[in-house]
């Protein structure tokens, strides 16, 4: 796939109802885990770190499509700039 095709696919994912359902459920789970961390009984520091790491990973998963979209957009702009197709004040909307 070309970067432009990948961008279209990622944009389609971000706009889909399925992704919104997954994102909402992940955010609920992250919040629930944070509450459990605060409200739970005393636990070893290793368990605290493990749970914090799990929440961090879940947040990164939720943010992944947006990050990939930004990277692809930058790749598309760089390719266009290398071909000399962009003006000096280029934005993503000039493509």
C-alpha atoms as a PDB file:
ATOM      1  CA  UNK A   1       0.000   0.000   0.000  1.00  0.00           C
ATOM      2  CA  UNK A   2       1.124   3.519  -0.663  1.00  0.00           C
ATOM      3  CA  UNK A   3       1.216   6.014   2.211  1.00  0.00           C
ATOM      4  CA  UNK A   4      -1.870   7.718   0.769  1.00  0.00           C
ATOM      5  CA  UNK A   5      -3.790   4.411   0.682  1.00  0.00           C
ATOM      6  CA  UNK A   6      -2.713   3.695   4.250  1.00  0.00           C
ATOM      7  CA  UNK A   7      -3.878   7.166   5.290  1.00  0.00           C
ATOM      8  CA  UNK A   8      -7.298   6.535   3.746  1.00  0.00           C
ATOM      9  CA  UNK A   9      -7.541   3.171   5.535  1.00  0.00           C
ATOM     10  CA  UNK A  10      -6.575   4.651   8.913  1.00  0.00           C
ATOM     11  CA  UNK A  11      -9.004   7.557   8.445  1.00  0.00           C
ATOM     12  CA  UNK A  12     -11.726   5.044   7.630  1.00  0.00           C
ATOM     13  CA  UNK A  13     -10.915   3.146  10.828  1.00  0.00           C
ATOM     14  CA  UNK A  14     -11.012   6.300  12.940  1.00  0.00           C
ATOM     15  CA  UNK A  15     -14.434   7.237  11.540  1.00  0.00           C
ATOM     16  CA  UNK A  16     -15.913   3.754  11.954  1.00  0.00           C
ATOM     17  CA  UNK A  17     -18.466   2.895  14.606  1.00  0.00           C
ATOM     18  CA  UNK A  18     -16.472  -0.220  15.464  1.00  0.00           C
ATOM     19  CA  UNK A  19     -13.408   1.795  16.433  1.00  0.00           C
ATOM     20  CA  UNK A  20     -15.560   4.114  18.528  1.00  0.00           C
ATOM     21  CA  UNK A  21     -16.963   1.107  20.414  1.00  0.00           C
ATOM     22  CA  UNK A  22     -13.461  -0.280  21.036  1.00  0.00           C
ATOM     23  CA  UNK A  23     -12.144   3.119  22.092  1.00  0.00           C
ATOM     24  CA  UNK A  24     -15.038   3.701  24.501  1.00  0.00           C
ATOM     25  CA  UNK A  25     -14.636   0.258  26.075  1.00  0.00           C
ATOM     26  CA  UNK A  26     -10.875   0.682  26.439  1.00  0.00           C
ATOM     27  CA  UNK A  27     -11.312   4.080  28.092  1.00  0.00           C
ATOM     28  CA  UNK A  28     -13.857   2.605  30.530  1.00  0.00           C
ATOM     29  CA  UNK A  29     -11.442  -0.219  31.356  1.00  0.00           C
ATOM     30  CA  UNK A  30      -8.560   2.209  31.903  1.00  0.00           C
ATOM     31  CA  UNK A  31     -10.691   4.316  34.245  1.00  0.00           C
ATOM     32  CA  UNK A  32     -11.882   1.232  36.119  1.00  0.00           C
ATOM     33  CA  UNK A  33      -8.284   0.048  36.531  1.00  0.00           C
ATOM     34  CA  UNK A  34      -7.302   3.469  37.884  1.00  0.00           C
ATOM     35  CA  UNK A  35     -10.135   3.343  40.418  1.00  0.00           C
ATOM     36  CA  UNK A  36      -9.109  -0.160  41.463  1.00  0.00           C
ATOM     37  CA  UNK A  37      -5.560   1.036  41.939  1.00  0.00           C
ATOM     38  CA  UNK A  38      -6.765   3.803  44.249  1.00  0.00           C
ATOM     39  CA  UNK A  39      -9.501   1.935  46.090  1.00  0.00           C
ATOM     40  CA  UNK A  40      -7.914  -1.471  46.371  1.00  0.00           C
ATOM     41  CA  UNK A  41      -6.199  -2.905  49.404  1.00  0.00           C
ATOM     42  CA  UNK A  42      -2.525  -2.282  49.987  1.00  0.00           C
ATOM     43  CA  UNK A  43      -0.483  -4.073  47.365  1.00  0.00           C
ATOM     44  CA  UNK A  44       3.207  -4.620  46.704  1.00  0.00           C
ATOM     45  CA  UNK A  45       4.964  -1.897  44.745  1.00  0.00           C
ATOM     46  CA  UNK A  46       5.601  -4.365  41.930  1.00  0.00           C
ATOM     47  CA  UNK A  47       1.833  -4.828  41.512  1.00  0.00           C
ATOM     48  CA  UNK A  48       1.334  -1.062  41.433  1.00  0.00           C
ATOM     49  CA  UNK A  49       3.980  -0.708  38.727  1.00  0.00           C
ATOM     50  CA  UNK A  50       2.487  -3.589  36.746  1.00  0.00           C
ATOM     51  CA  UNK A  51      -0.978  -2.046  36.836  1.00  0.00           C
ATOM     52  CA  UNK A  52       0.356   1.391  35.905  1.00  0.00           C
ATOM     53  CA  UNK A  53       2.217  -0.167  32.985  1.00  0.00           C
ATOM     54  CA  UNK A  54      -0.928  -1.949  31.855  1.00  0.00           C
ATOM     55  CA  UNK A  55      -2.903   1.306  31.905  1.00  0.00           C
ATOM     56  CA  UNK A  56      -0.125   3.081  29.997  1.00  0.00           C
ATOM     57  CA  UNK A  57      -0.128   0.347  27.323  1.00  0.00           C
ATOM     58  CA  UNK A  58      -3.909   0.523  27.004  1.00  0.00           C
ATOM     59  CA  UNK A  59      -3.765   4.308  26.546  1.00  0.00           C
ATOM     60  CA  UNK A  60      -1.089   3.916  23.875  1.00  0.00           C
ATOM     61  CA  UNK A  61      -3.307   1.391  22.069  1.00  0.00           C
ATOM     62  CA  UNK A  62      -6.230   3.821  22.092  1.00  0.00           C
ATOM     63  CA  UNK A  63      -3.980   6.595  20.731  1.00  0.00           C
ATOM     64  CA  UNK A  64      -2.292   4.402  18.098  1.00  0.00           C
ATOM     65  CA  UNK A  65      -4.537   5.176  15.090  1.00  0.00           C
ATOM     66  CA  UNK A  66      -4.122   8.923  15.638  1.00  0.00           C
ATOM     67  CA  UNK A  67      -0.344   8.559  15.894  1.00  0.00           C
ATOM     68  CA  UNK A  68      -0.178   6.385  12.765  1.00  0.00           C
ATOM     69  CA  UNK A  69      -2.349   8.906  10.912  1.00  0.00           C
ATOM     70  CA  UNK A  70       0.027  11.738  11.828  1.00  0.00           C
ATOM     71  CA  UNK A  71       3.080   9.741  10.751  1.00  0.00           C
ATOM     72  CA  UNK A  72       1.463   8.842   7.422  1.00  0.00           C
ATOM     73  CA  UNK A  73       0.418  12.441   6.853  1.00  0.00           C
ATOM     74  CA  UNK A  74       4.001  13.561   7.454  1.00  0.00           C
ATOM     75  CA  UNK A  75       5.296  10.875   5.061  1.00  0.00           C
ATOM     76  CA  UNK A  76       2.858  12.017   2.367  1.00  0.00           C
ATOM     77  CA  UNK A  77       3.923  15.638   2.805  1.00  0.00           C
ATOM     78  CA  UNK A  78       7.617  14.726   2.742  1.00  0.00           C
ATOM     79  CA  UNK A  79       7.160  12.704  -0.448  1.00  0.00           C
ATOM     80  CA  UNK A  80       5.330  15.599  -2.071  1.00  0.00           C
ATOM     81  CA  UNK A  81       8.009  18.048  -0.919  1.00  0.00           C
ATOM     82  CA  UNK A  82      10.762  15.812  -2.298  1.00  0.00           C
ATOM     83  CA  UNK A  83       8.985  15.758  -5.645  1.00  0.00           C
ATOM     84  CA  UNK A  84       8.673  19.554  -5.541  1.00  0.00           C
ATOM     85  CA  UNK A  85       4.881  19.502  -5.475  1.00  0.00           C
ATOM     86  CA  UNK A  86       4.422  21.685  -2.391  1.00  0.00           C
ATOM     87  CA  UNK A  87       4.518  25.422  -1.986  1.00  0.00           C
ATOM     88  CA  UNK A  88       6.641  26.983   0.761  1.00  0.00           C
ATOM     89  CA  UNK A  89       3.681  27.290   3.199  1.00  0.00           C
ATOM     90  CA  UNK A  90       2.402  23.762   2.556  1.00  0.00           C
ATOM     91  CA  UNK A  91      -0.280  22.143   4.645  1.00  0.00           C
ATOM     92  CA  UNK A  92      -1.942  18.773   4.420  1.00  0.00           C
ATOM     93  CA  UNK A  93      -4.873  20.294   2.580  1.00  0.00           C
ATOM     94  CA  UNK A  94      -2.688  21.307  -0.403  1.00  0.00           C
ATOM     95  CA  UNK A  95      -2.376  17.726  -1.631  1.00  0.00           C
END
